[in-house]
All heavy atoms as atom14 arrays in JSON, in Angstrom:
{
  "sequence": "MLRNSGELVLIDFGTAREETQTYHQKVKGQQVTGITSAGYTPNEQQHG",
  "atom14_mask": [
    [1, 1, 1, 1, 1, 1, 1, 1, 0, 0, 0, 0, 0, 0],
    [1, 1, 1, 1, 1, 1, 1, 1, 0, 0, 0, 0, 0, 0],
    [1, 1, 1, 1, 1, 1, 1, 1, 1, 1, 1, 0, 0, 0],
    [1, 1, 1, 1, 1, 1, 1, 1, 0, 0, 0, 0, 0, 0],
    [1, 1, 1, 1, 1, 1, 0, 0, 0, 0, 0, 0, 0, 0],
    [1, 1, 1, 1, 0, 0, 0, 0, 0, 0, 0, 0, 0, 0],
    [1, 1, 1, 1, 1, 1, 1, 1, 1, 0, 0, 0, 0, 0],
    [1, 1, 1, 1, 1, 1, 1, 1, 0, 0, 0, 0, 0, 0],
    [1, 1, 1, 1, 1, 1, 1, 0, 0, 0, 0, 0, 0, 0],
    [1, 1, 1, 1, 1, 1, 1, 1, 0, 0, 0, 0, 0, 0],
    [1, 1, 1, 1, 1, 1, 1, 1, 0, 0, 0, 0, 0, 0],
    [1, 1, 1, 1, 1, 1, 1, 1, 0, 0, 0, 0, 0, 0],
    [1, 1, 1, 1, 1, 1, 1, 1, 1, 1, 1, 0, 0, 0],
    [1, 1, 1, 1, 0, 0, 0, 0, 0, 0, 0, 0, 0, 0],
    [1, 1, 1, 1, 1, 1, 1, 0, 0, 0, 0, 0, 0, 0],
    [1, 1, 1, 1, 1, 0, 0, 0, 0, 0, 0, 0, 0, 0],
    [1, 1, 1, 1, 1, 1, 1, 1, 1, 1, 1, 0, 0, 0],
    [1, 1, 1, 1, 1, 1, 1, 1, 1, 0, 0, 0, 0, 0],
    [1, 1, 1, 1, 1, 1, 1, 1, 1, 0, 0, 0, 0, 0],
    [1, 1, 1, 1, 1, 1, 1, 0, 0, 0, 0, 0, 0, 0],
    [1, 1, 1, 1, 1, 1, 1, 1, 1, 0, 0, 0, 0, 0],
    [1, 1, 1, 1, 1, 1, 1, 0, 0, 0, 0, 0, 0, 0],
    [1, 1, 1, 1, 1, 1, 1, 1, 1, 1, 1, 1, 0, 0],
    [1, 1, 1, 1, 1, 1, 1, 1, 1, 1, 0, 0, 0, 0],
    [1, 1, 1, 1, 1, 1, 1, 1, 1, 0, 0, 0, 0, 0],
    [1, 1, 1, 1, 1, 1, 1, 1, 1, 0, 0, 0, 0, 0],
    [1, 1, 1, 1, 1, 1, 1, 0, 0, 0, 0, 0, 0, 0],
    [1, 1, 1, 1, 1, 1, 1, 1, 1, 0, 0, 0, 0, 0],
    [1, 1, 1, 1, 0, 0, 0, 0, 0, 0, 0, 0, 0, 0],
    [1, 1, 1, 1, 1, 1, 1, 1, 1, 0, 0, 0, 0, 0],
    [1, 1, 1, 1, 1, 1, 1, 1, 1, 0, 0, 0, 0, 0],
    [1, 1, 1, 1, 1, 1, 1, 0, 0, 0, 0, 0, 0, 0],
    [1, 1, 1, 1, 1, 1, 1, 0, 0, 0, 0, 0, 0, 0],
    [1, 1, 1, 1, 0, 0, 0, 0, 0, 0, 0, 0, 0, 0],
    [1, 1, 1, 1, 1, 1, 1, 1, 0, 0, 0, 0, 0, 0],
    [1, 1, 1, 1, 1, 1, 1, 0, 0, 0, 0, 0, 0, 0],
    [1, 1, 1, 1, 1, 1, 0, 0, 0, 0, 0, 0, 0, 0],
    [1, 1, 1, 1, 1, 0, 0, 0, 0, 0, 0, 0, 0, 0],
    [1, 1, 1, 1, 0, 0, 0, 0, 0, 0, 0, 0, 0, 0],
    [1, 1, 1, 1, 1, 1, 1, 1, 1, 1, 1, 1, 0, 0],
    [1, 1, 1, 1, 1, 1, 1, 0, 0, 0, 0, 0, 0, 0],
    [1, 1, 1, 1, 1, 1, 1, 0, 0, 0, 0, 0, 0, 0],
    [1, 1, 1, 1, 1, 1, 1, 1, 0, 0, 0, 0, 0, 0],
    [1, 1, 1, 1, 1, 1, 1, 1, 1, 0, 0, 0, 0, 0],
    [1, 1, 1, 1, 1, 1, 1, 1, 1, 0, 0, 0, 0, 0],
    [1, 1, 1, 1, 1, 1, 1, 1, 1, 0, 0, 0, 0, 0],
    [1, 1, 1, 1, 1, 1, 1, 1, 1, 1, 0, 0, 0, 0],
    [1, 1, 1, 1, 0, 0, 0, 0, 0, 0, 0, 0, 0, 0]
  ],
  "atom14_positions": [
    [[-4.63, -7.02, -13.5], [-5.67, -7.26, -14.5], [-5.05, -7.36, -15.9], [-4.01, -6.78, -16.18], [-6.7, -6.13, -14.48], [-7.38, -5.94, -13.12], [-8.36, -7.4, -12.63], [-9.71, -7.25, -13.78], [0.0, 0.0, 0.0], [0.0, 0.0, 0.0], [0.0, 0.0, 0.0], [0.0, 0.0, 0.0], [0.0, 0.0, 0.0], [0.0, 0.0, 0.0]],
    [[-5.74, -8.11, -16.76], [-5.3, -8.33, -18.13], [-6.16, -7.5, -19.07], [-7.37, -7.69, -19.14], [-5.4, -9.81, -18.49], [-4.96, -10.22, -19.89], [-3.46, -9.98, -20.06], [-5.28, -11.68, -20.15], [0.0, 0.0, 0.0], [0.0, 0.0, 0.0], [0.0, 0.0, 0.0], [0.0, 0.0, 0.0], [0.0, 0.0, 0.0], [0.0, 0.0, 0.0]],
    [[-5.53, -6.57, -19.82], [-6.25, -5.78, -20.8], [-6.49, -6.6, -22.07], [-5.82, -7.61, -22.3], [-5.45, -4.53, -21.15], [-5.45, -3.47, -20.05], [-4.59, -2.28, -20.45], [-4.75, -1.17, -19.51], [-3.97, -0.1, -19.48], [-2.96, 0.0, -20.34], [-4.18, 0.87, -18.63], [0.0, 0.0, 0.0], [0.0, 0.0, 0.0], [0.0, 0.0, 0.0]],
    [[-7.41, -6.13, -22.9], [-7.68, -6.81, -24.17], [-6.44, -6.86, -25.06], [-6.29, -7.73, -25.91], [-8.83, -6.13, -24.91], [-10.16, -6.33, -24.2], [-10.33, -7.31, -23.47], [-11.1, -5.41, -24.39], [0.0, 0.0, 0.0], [0.0, 0.0, 0.0], [0.0, 0.0, 0.0], [0.0, 0.0, 0.0], [0.0, 0.0, 0.0], [0.0, 0.0, 0.0]],
    [[-5.55, -5.88, -24.87], [-4.32, -5.82, -25.66], [-3.3, -6.85, -25.23], [-2.28, -7.02, -25.89], [-3.7, -4.42, -25.54], [-3.3, -4.17, -24.19], [0.0, 0.0, 0.0], [0.0, 0.0, 0.0], [0.0, 0.0, 0.0], [0.0, 0.0, 0.0], [0.0, 0.0, 0.0], [0.0, 0.0, 0.0], [0.0, 0.0, 0.0], [0.0, 0.0, 0.0]],
    [[-3.57, -7.54, -24.12], [-2.62, -8.51, -23.61], [-1.69, -7.93, -22.56], [-0.86, -8.65, -21.99], [0.0, 0.0, 0.0], [0.0, 0.0, 0.0], [0.0, 0.0, 0.0], [0.0, 0.0, 0.0], [0.0, 0.0, 0.0], [0.0, 0.0, 0.0], [0.0, 0.0, 0.0], [0.0, 0.0, 0.0], [0.0, 0.0, 0.0], [0.0, 0.0, 0.0]],
    [[-1.8, -6.64, -22.28], [-0.94, -5.99, -21.3], [-1.48, -6.24, -19.89], [-2.69, -6.16, -19.64], [-0.89, -4.48, -21.58], [-0.02, -3.71, -20.6], [-0.09, -2.21, -20.83], [-1.02, -1.77, -21.53], [0.78, -1.49, -20.31], [0.0, 0.0, 0.0], [0.0, 0.0, 0.0], [0.0, 0.0, 0.0], [0.0, 0.0, 0.0], [0.0, 0.0, 0.0]],
    [[-0.58, -6.54, -18.97], [-0.96, -6.7, -17.56], [-0.74, -5.39, -16.83], [0.3, -4.74, -16.99], [-0.12, -7.82, -16.92], [-0.52, -9.24, -17.31], [0.56, -10.22, -16.9], [-1.84, -9.63, -16.68], [0.0, 0.0, 0.0], [0.0, 0.0, 0.0], [0.0, 0.0, 0.0], [0.0, 0.0, 0.0], [0.0, 0.0, 0.0], [0.0, 0.0, 0.0]],
    [[-1.71, -5.01, -16.01], [-1.61, -3.73, -15.3], [-1.96, -3.93, -13.83], [-2.74, -4.82, -13.46], [-2.54, -2.67, -15.91], [-2.1, -2.32, -17.32], [-3.99, -3.15, -15.92], [0.0, 0.0, 0.0], [0.0, 0.0, 0.0], [0.0, 0.0, 0.0], [0.0, 0.0, 0.0], [0.0, 0.0, 0.0], [0.0, 0.0, 0.0], [0.0, 0.0, 0.0]],
    [[-1.37, -3.1, -12.99], [-1.66, -3.09, -11.56], [-2.79, -2.11, -11.31], [-2.79, -0.98, -11.83], [-0.4, -2.66, -10.8], [-0.42, -2.76, -9.27], [-0.6, -4.21, -8.84], [0.88, -2.19, -8.71], [0.0, 0.0, 0.0], [0.0, 0.0, 0.0], [0.0, 0.0, 0.0], [0.0, 0.0, 0.0], [0.0, 0.0, 0.0], [0.0, 0.0, 0.0]],
    [[-3.79, -2.51, -10.51], [-4.96, -1.67, -10.26], [-5.12, -1.44, -8.76], [-4.29, -1.86, -7.96], [-6.24, -2.31, -10.83], [-6.54, -3.63, -10.08], [-6.11, -2.54, -12.33], [-7.93, -4.17, -10.37], [0.0, 0.0, 0.0], [0.0, 0.0, 0.0], [0.0, 0.0, 0.0], [0.0, 0.0, 0.0], [0.0, 0.0, 0.0], [0.0, 0.0, 0.0]],
    [[-6.19, -0.75, -8.41], [-6.59, -0.49, -7.03], [-5.55, 0.34, -6.29], [-4.87, -0.12, -5.36], [-6.86, -1.79, -6.27], [-7.59, -1.55, -4.96], [-7.93, -0.38, -4.68], [-7.8, -2.52, -4.21], [0.0, 0.0, 0.0], [0.0, 0.0, 0.0], [0.0, 0.0, 0.0], [0.0, 0.0, 0.0], [0.0, 0.0, 0.0], [0.0, 0.0, 0.0]],
    [[-5.43, 1.58, -6.73], [-4.51, 2.51, -6.07], [-5.2, 3.31, -4.96], [-4.66, 4.31, -4.49], [-3.89, 3.46, -7.1], [-2.8, 2.83, -7.91], [-3.09, 1.96, -8.94], [-1.46, 3.08, -7.61], [-2.1, 1.36, -9.68], [-0.46, 2.47, -8.35], [-0.76, 1.61, -9.39], [0.0, 0.0, 0.0], [0.0, 0.0, 0.0], [0.0, 0.0, 0.0]],
    [[-6.37, 2.85, -4.53], [-7.06, 3.54, -3.46], [-6.31, 3.48, -2.14], [-6.5, 4.32, -1.26], [0.0, 0.0, 0.0], [0.0, 0.0, 0.0], [0.0, 0.0, 0.0], [0.0, 0.0, 0.0], [0.0, 0.0, 0.0], [0.0, 0.0, 0.0], [0.0, 0.0, 0.0], [0.0, 0.0, 0.0], [0.0, 0.0, 0.0], [0.0, 0.0, 0.0]],
    [[-5.46, 2.46, -1.99], [-4.71, 2.32, -0.74], [-3.29, 2.88, -0.87], [-2.52, 2.84, 0.09], [-4.61, 0.84, -0.33], [-3.9, 0.12, -1.36], [-5.99, 0.24, -0.16], [0.0, 0.0, 0.0], [0.0, 0.0, 0.0], [0.0, 0.0, 0.0], [0.0, 0.0, 0.0], [0.0, 0.0, 0.0], [0.0, 0.0, 0.0], [0.0, 0.0, 0.0]],
    [[-2.93, 3.36, -2.07], [-1.55, 3.8, -2.29], [-1.27, 5.09, -1.54], [-2.15, 5.94, -1.33], [-1.3, 4.0, -3.79], [0.0, 0.0, 0.0], [0.0, 0.0, 0.0], [0.0, 0.0, 0.0], [0.0, 0.0, 0.0], [0.0, 0.0, 0.0], [0.0, 0.0, 0.0], [0.0, 0.0, 0.0], [0.0, 0.0, 0.0], [0.0, 0.0, 0.0]],
    [[-0.03, 5.26, -1.09], [0.4, 6.48, -0.41], [1.73, 6.94, -1.02], [2.6, 6.12, -1.29], [0.59, 6.23, 1.09], [-0.68, 5.88, 1.84], [-1.64, 7.07, 1.89], [-1.07, 8.22, 2.57], [-1.22, 8.44, 3.89], [-1.93, 7.62, 4.63], [-0.69, 9.51, 4.44], [0.0, 0.0, 0.0], [0.0, 0.0, 0.0], [0.0, 0.0, 0.0]],
    [[1.88, 8.22, -1.21], [3.14, 8.77, -1.69], [4.14, 8.77, -0.54], [3.82, 9.17, 0.59], [2.94, 10.18, -2.23], [4.22, 10.79, -2.81], [3.98, 12.19, -3.35], [2.86, 12.69, -3.18], [4.92, 12.77, -3.92], [0.0, 0.0, 0.0], [0.0, 0.0, 0.0], [0.0, 0.0, 0.0], [0.0, 0.0, 0.0], [0.0, 0.0, 0.0]],
    [[5.37, 8.34, -0.84], [6.39, 8.3, 0.21], [7.0, 9.69, 0.36], [7.87, 10.1, -0.4], [7.48, 7.27, -0.12], [8.42, 7.05, 1.07], [9.55, 6.09, 0.72], [10.1, 6.21, -0.39], [9.88, 5.26, 1.58], [0.0, 0.0, 0.0], [0.0, 0.0, 0.0], [0.0, 0.0, 0.0], [0.0, 0.0, 0.0], [0.0, 0.0, 0.0]],
    [[6.55, 10.4, 1.36], [7.04, 11.75, 1.65], [7.51, 11.81, 3.08], [7.31, 10.88, 3.88], [5.93, 12.78, 1.43], [4.86, 12.5, 2.36], [5.38, 12.72, 0.0], [0.0, 0.0, 0.0], [0.0, 0.0, 0.0], [0.0, 0.0, 0.0], [0.0, 0.0, 0.0], [0.0, 0.0, 0.0], [0.0, 0.0, 0.0], [0.0, 0.0, 0.0]],
    [[8.12, 12.93, 3.43], [8.56, 13.12, 4.81], [7.36, 13.11, 5.75], [7.41, 12.57, 6.86], [9.32, 14.45, 4.93], [9.99, 14.66, 6.29], [11.07, 13.63, 6.56], [11.75, 13.2, 5.65], [11.21, 13.23, 7.82], [0.0, 0.0, 0.0], [0.0, 0.0, 0.0], [0.0, 0.0, 0.0], [0.0, 0.0, 0.0], [0.0, 0.0, 0.0]],
    [[6.26, 13.72, 5.3], [5.04, 13.75, 6.12], [4.54, 12.33, 6.37], [4.13, 11.99, 7.5], [3.95, 14.58, 5.42], [4.43, 15.9, 5.2], [2.67, 14.61, 6.25], [0.0, 0.0, 0.0], [0.0, 0.0, 0.0], [0.0, 0.0, 0.0], [0.0, 0.0, 0.0], [0.0, 0.0, 0.0], [0.0, 0.0, 0.0], [0.0, 0.0, 0.0]],
    [[4.59, 11.51, 5.33], [4.14, 10.13, 5.49], [4.98, 9.41, 6.54], [4.44, 8.72, 7.43], [4.23, 9.38, 4.15], [4.0, 7.89, 4.28], [2.72, 7.37, 4.46], [5.07, 7.01, 4.27], [2.52, 6.01, 4.59], [4.88, 5.65, 4.41], [3.61, 5.14, 4.57], [3.4, 3.8, 4.71], [0.0, 0.0, 0.0], [0.0, 0.0, 0.0]],
    [[6.3, 9.56, 6.47], [7.17, 8.87, 7.44], [6.92, 9.37, 8.86], [6.99, 8.6, 9.83], [8.64, 9.07, 7.05], [9.06, 8.23, 5.88], [9.17, 6.87, 5.95], [9.39, 8.57, 4.6], [9.57, 6.39, 4.78], [9.69, 7.41, 3.94], [0.0, 0.0, 0.0], [0.0, 0.0, 0.0], [0.0, 0.0, 0.0], [0.0, 0.0, 0.0]],
    [[6.61, 10.66, 9.0], [6.3, 11.2, 10.33], [5.01, 10.57, 10.87], [4.91, 10.23, 12.05], [6.18, 12.72, 10.27], [7.51, 13.42, 10.03], [7.34, 14.91, 9.83], [6.21, 15.42, 9.71], [8.45, 15.64, 9.76], [0.0, 0.0, 0.0], [0.0, 0.0, 0.0], [0.0, 0.0, 0.0], [0.0, 0.0, 0.0], [0.0, 0.0, 0.0]],
    [[4.03, 10.39, 9.97], [2.77, 9.77, 10.39], [2.99, 8.3, 10.76], [2.35, 7.78, 11.68], [1.72, 9.9, 9.28], [1.2, 11.31, 9.09], [0.09, 11.35, 8.05], [-0.47, 12.75, 7.93], [-1.58, 12.82, 6.94], [0.0, 0.0, 0.0], [0.0, 0.0, 0.0], [0.0, 0.0, 0.0], [0.0, 0.0, 0.0], [0.0, 0.0, 0.0]],
    [[3.88, 7.61, 10.0], [4.19, 6.22, 10.31], [4.76, 6.11, 11.71], [4.37, 5.25, 12.51], [5.16, 5.63, 9.28], [5.75, 4.3, 9.79], [4.46, 5.41, 7.94], [0.0, 0.0, 0.0], [0.0, 0.0, 0.0], [0.0, 0.0, 0.0], [0.0, 0.0, 0.0], [0.0, 0.0, 0.0], [0.0, 0.0, 0.0], [0.0, 0.0, 0.0]],
    [[5.71, 7.02, 12.02], [6.33, 6.99, 13.36], [5.3, 7.28, 14.43], [5.38, 6.73, 15.54], [7.46, 8.01, 13.42], [8.68, 7.64, 12.57], [9.78, 8.69, 12.7], [10.99, 8.29, 11.86], [12.07, 9.33, 11.95], [0.0, 0.0, 0.0], [0.0, 0.0, 0.0], [0.0, 0.0, 0.0], [0.0, 0.0, 0.0], [0.0, 0.0, 0.0]],
    [[4.33, 8.14, 14.12], [3.29, 8.47, 15.09], [2.13, 7.5, 15.05], [1.12, 7.73, 15.73], [0.0, 0.0, 0.0], [0.0, 0.0, 0.0], [0.0, 0.0, 0.0], [0.0, 0.0, 0.0], [0.0, 0.0, 0.0], [0.0, 0.0, 0.0], [0.0, 0.0, 0.0], [0.0, 0.0, 0.0], [0.0, 0.0, 0.0], [0.0, 0.0, 0.0]],
    [[2.27, 6.42, 14.24], [1.22, 5.4, 14.11], [-0.12, 6.03, 13.72], [-1.18, 5.66, 14.23], [1.08, 4.61, 15.41], [2.33, 3.82, 15.78], [2.14, 2.96, 17.01], [1.22, 3.17, 17.79], [3.02, 1.98, 17.18], [0.0, 0.0, 0.0], [0.0, 0.0, 0.0], [0.0, 0.0, 0.0], [0.0, 0.0, 0.0], [0.0, 0.0, 0.0]],
    [[-0.04, 7.01, 12.76], [-1.24, 7.69, 12.3], [-1.67, 7.21, 10.92], [-2.54, 7.79, 10.29], [-1.0, 9.21, 12.25], [-0.64, 9.8, 13.61], [-0.25, 11.27, 13.49], [-0.17, 11.82, 12.41], [-0.02, 11.91, 14.64], [0.0, 0.0, 0.0], [0.0, 0.0, 0.0], [0.0, 0.0, 0.0], [0.0, 0.0, 0.0], [0.0, 0.0, 0.0]],
    [[-1.03, 6.13, 10.43], [-1.33, 5.62, 9.1], [-2.25, 4.41, 9.22], [-1.99, 3.51, 10.03], [-0.03, 5.23, 8.36], [-0.37, 4.61, 7.01], [0.86, 6.45, 8.18], [0.0, 0.0, 0.0], [0.0, 0.0, 0.0], [0.0, 0.0, 0.0], [0.0, 0.0, 0.0], [0.0, 0.0, 0.0], [0.0, 0.0, 0.0], [0.0, 0.0, 0.0]],
    [[-3.3, 4.41, 8.41], [-4.23, 3.29, 8.43], [-3.55, 2.03, 7.89], [-2.93, 2.05, 6.83], [-5.46, 3.6, 7.56], [-6.07, 4.79, 8.05], [-6.46, 2.45, 7.61], [0.0, 0.0, 0.0], [0.0, 0.0, 0.0], [0.0, 0.0, 0.0], [0.0, 0.0, 0.0], [0.0, 0.0, 0.0], [0.0, 0.0, 0.0], [0.0, 0.0, 0.0]],
    [[-3.66, 0.95, 8.62], [-3.03, -0.29, 8.2], [-3.85, -1.01, 7.13], [-5.07, -1.14, 7.27], [0.0, 0.0, 0.0], [0.0, 0.0, 0.0], [0.0, 0.0, 0.0], [0.0, 0.0, 0.0], [0.0, 0.0, 0.0], [0.0, 0.0, 0.0], [0.0, 0.0, 0.0], [0.0, 0.0, 0.0], [0.0, 0.0, 0.0], [0.0, 0.0, 0.0]],
    [[-3.19, -1.42, 6.06], [-3.84, -2.17, 4.98], [-3.17, -3.54, 4.94], [-1.94, -3.65, 4.83], [-3.66, -1.49, 3.62], [-4.2, -0.04, 3.66], [-4.33, -2.28, 2.51], [-5.68, 0.04, 3.92], [0.0, 0.0, 0.0], [0.0, 0.0, 0.0], [0.0, 0.0, 0.0], [0.0, 0.0, 0.0], [0.0, 0.0, 0.0], [0.0, 0.0, 0.0]],
    [[-3.95, -4.6, 5.03], [-3.36, -5.93, 5.04], [-4.12, -6.86, 4.11], [-5.35, -6.75, 3.96], [-3.35, -6.55, 6.45], [-4.7, -6.71, 6.89], [-2.58, -5.69, 7.43], [0.0, 0.0, 0.0], [0.0, 0.0, 0.0], [0.0, 0.0, 0.0], [0.0, 0.0, 0.0], [0.0, 0.0, 0.0], [0.0, 0.0, 0.0], [0.0, 0.0, 0.0]],
    [[-3.38, -7.75, 3.48], [-3.93, -8.86, 2.71], [-3.18, -10.1, 3.15], [-1.98, -10.24, 2.87], [-3.76, -8.64, 1.2], [-4.61, -7.59, 0.75], [0.0, 0.0, 0.0], [0.0, 0.0, 0.0], [0.0, 0.0, 0.0], [0.0, 0.0, 0.0], [0.0, 0.0, 0.0], [0.0, 0.0, 0.0], [0.0, 0.0, 0.0], [0.0, 0.0, 0.0]],
    [[-3.87, -10.97, 3.86], [-3.21, -12.13, 4.46], [-2.45, -12.93, 3.42], [-2.98, -13.26, 2.36], [-4.26, -13.01, 5.15], [0.0, 0.0, 0.0], [0.0, 0.0, 0.0], [0.0, 0.0, 0.0], [0.0, 0.0, 0.0], [0.0, 0.0, 0.0], [0.0, 0.0, 0.0], [0.0, 0.0, 0.0], [0.0, 0.0, 0.0], [0.0, 0.0, 0.0]],
    [[-1.21, -13.24, 3.75], [-0.38, -14.03, 2.86], [0.54, -13.19, 2.01], [1.54, -13.7, 1.49], [0.0, 0.0, 0.0], [0.0, 0.0, 0.0], [0.0, 0.0, 0.0], [0.0, 0.0, 0.0], [0.0, 0.0, 0.0], [0.0, 0.0, 0.0], [0.0, 0.0, 0.0], [0.0, 0.0, 0.0], [0.0, 0.0, 0.0], [0.0, 0.0, 0.0]],
    [[0.22, -11.92, 1.82], [1.01, -11.03, 0.98], [1.65, -9.9, 1.77], [2.77, -9.47, 1.47], [0.14, -10.44, -0.14], [-0.52, -11.48, -0.99], [-1.81, -11.91, -0.74], [0.18, -12.08, -2.05], [-2.42, -12.89, -1.52], [-0.41, -13.06, -2.84], [-1.71, -13.46, -2.55], [-2.29, -14.45, -3.32], [0.0, 0.0, 0.0], [0.0, 0.0, 0.0]],
    [[0.96, -9.4, 2.75], [1.42, -8.24, 3.51], [2.54, -8.61, 4.47], [2.4, -9.56, 5.26], [0.26, -7.62, 4.31], [-0.81, -7.3, 3.41], [0.71, -6.38, 5.05], [0.0, 0.0, 0.0], [0.0, 0.0, 0.0], [0.0, 0.0, 0.0], [0.0, 0.0, 0.0], [0.0, 0.0, 0.0], [0.0, 0.0, 0.0], [0.0, 0.0, 0.0]],
    [[3.67, -7.87, 4.45], [4.77, -8.17, 5.37], [4.48, -7.69, 6.78], [3.53, -6.93, 7.02], [5.94, -7.4, 4.76], [5.3, -6.24, 4.07], [4.0, -6.78, 3.52], [0.0, 0.0, 0.0], [0.0, 0.0, 0.0], [0.0, 0.0, 0.0], [0.0, 0.0, 0.0], [0.0, 0.0, 0.0], [0.0, 0.0, 0.0], [0.0, 0.0, 0.0]],
    [[5.3, -8.13, 7.7], [5.08, -7.87, 9.12], [5.03, -6.39, 9.44], [4.16, -5.92, 10.19], [6.18, -8.56, 9.93], [5.93, -8.45, 11.43], [4.91, -8.91, 11.93], [6.86, -7.82, 12.13], [0.0, 0.0, 0.0], [0.0, 0.0, 0.0], [0.0, 0.0, 0.0], [0.0, 0.0, 0.0], [0.0, 0.0, 0.0], [0.0, 0.0, 0.0]],
    [[5.97, -5.59, 8.88], [6.02, -4.17, 9.26], [4.76, -3.44, 8.8], [4.28, -2.52, 9.49], [7.28, -3.51, 8.69], [7.28, -3.26, 7.19], [7.73, -4.46, 6.37], [8.04, -5.52, 6.98], [7.78, -4.35, 5.13], [0.0, 0.0, 0.0], [0.0, 0.0, 0.0], [0.0, 0.0, 0.0], [0.0, 0.0, 0.0], [0.0, 0.0, 0.0]],
    [[4.19, -3.86, 7.66], [2.98, -3.19, 7.18], [1.78, -3.56, 8.04], [0.88, -2.74, 8.23], [2.72, -3.56, 5.71], [1.53, -2.83, 5.1], [1.37, -3.11, 3.61], [2.35, -3.35, 2.91], [0.14, -3.08, 3.13], [0.0, 0.0, 0.0], [0.0, 0.0, 0.0], [0.0, 0.0, 0.0], [0.0, 0.0, 0.0], [0.0, 0.0, 0.0]],
    [[1.78, -4.77, 8.56], [0.69, -5.18, 9.44], [0.66, -4.31, 10.71], [-0.37, -4.2, 11.35], [0.85, -6.65, 9.82], [0.65, -7.61, 8.65], [0.78, -9.06, 9.06], [0.5, -9.4, 10.2], [1.22, -9.9, 8.14], [0.0, 0.0, 0.0], [0.0, 0.0, 0.0], [0.0, 0.0, 0.0], [0.0, 0.0, 0.0], [0.0, 0.0, 0.0]],
    [[1.8, -3.71, 11.02], [1.88, -2.82, 12.19], [1.83, -1.36, 11.79], [2.26, -0.47, 12.54], [3.16, -3.1, 12.97], [3.17, -4.44, 13.65], [3.52, -5.6, 13.01], [2.84, -4.82, 14.92], [3.42, -6.63, 13.83], [3.02, -6.19, 15.0], [0.0, 0.0, 0.0], [0.0, 0.0, 0.0], [0.0, 0.0, 0.0], [0.0, 0.0, 0.0]],
    [[1.31, -1.09, 10.54], [1.1, 0.28, 10.12], [2.37, 1.02, 9.76], [2.38, 2.26, 9.81], [0.0, 0.0, 0.0], [0.0, 0.0, 0.0], [0.0, 0.0, 0.0], [0.0, 0.0, 0.0], [0.0, 0.0, 0.0], [0.0, 0.0, 0.0], [0.0, 0.0, 0.0], [0.0, 0.0, 0.0], [0.0, 0.0, 0.0], [0.0, 0.0, 0.0]]
  ]
}
């Protein structure tokens, strides 16, 4: 998004996850919800 000041900012952190050991364990156990946006999301993310 473009602010009135002219600064560009990244928004929508509702899908963001902190990269922790717990997160990687959940990834291996396929316990992470997959978030995809066609055309932008890479293959590994499409598989959670």
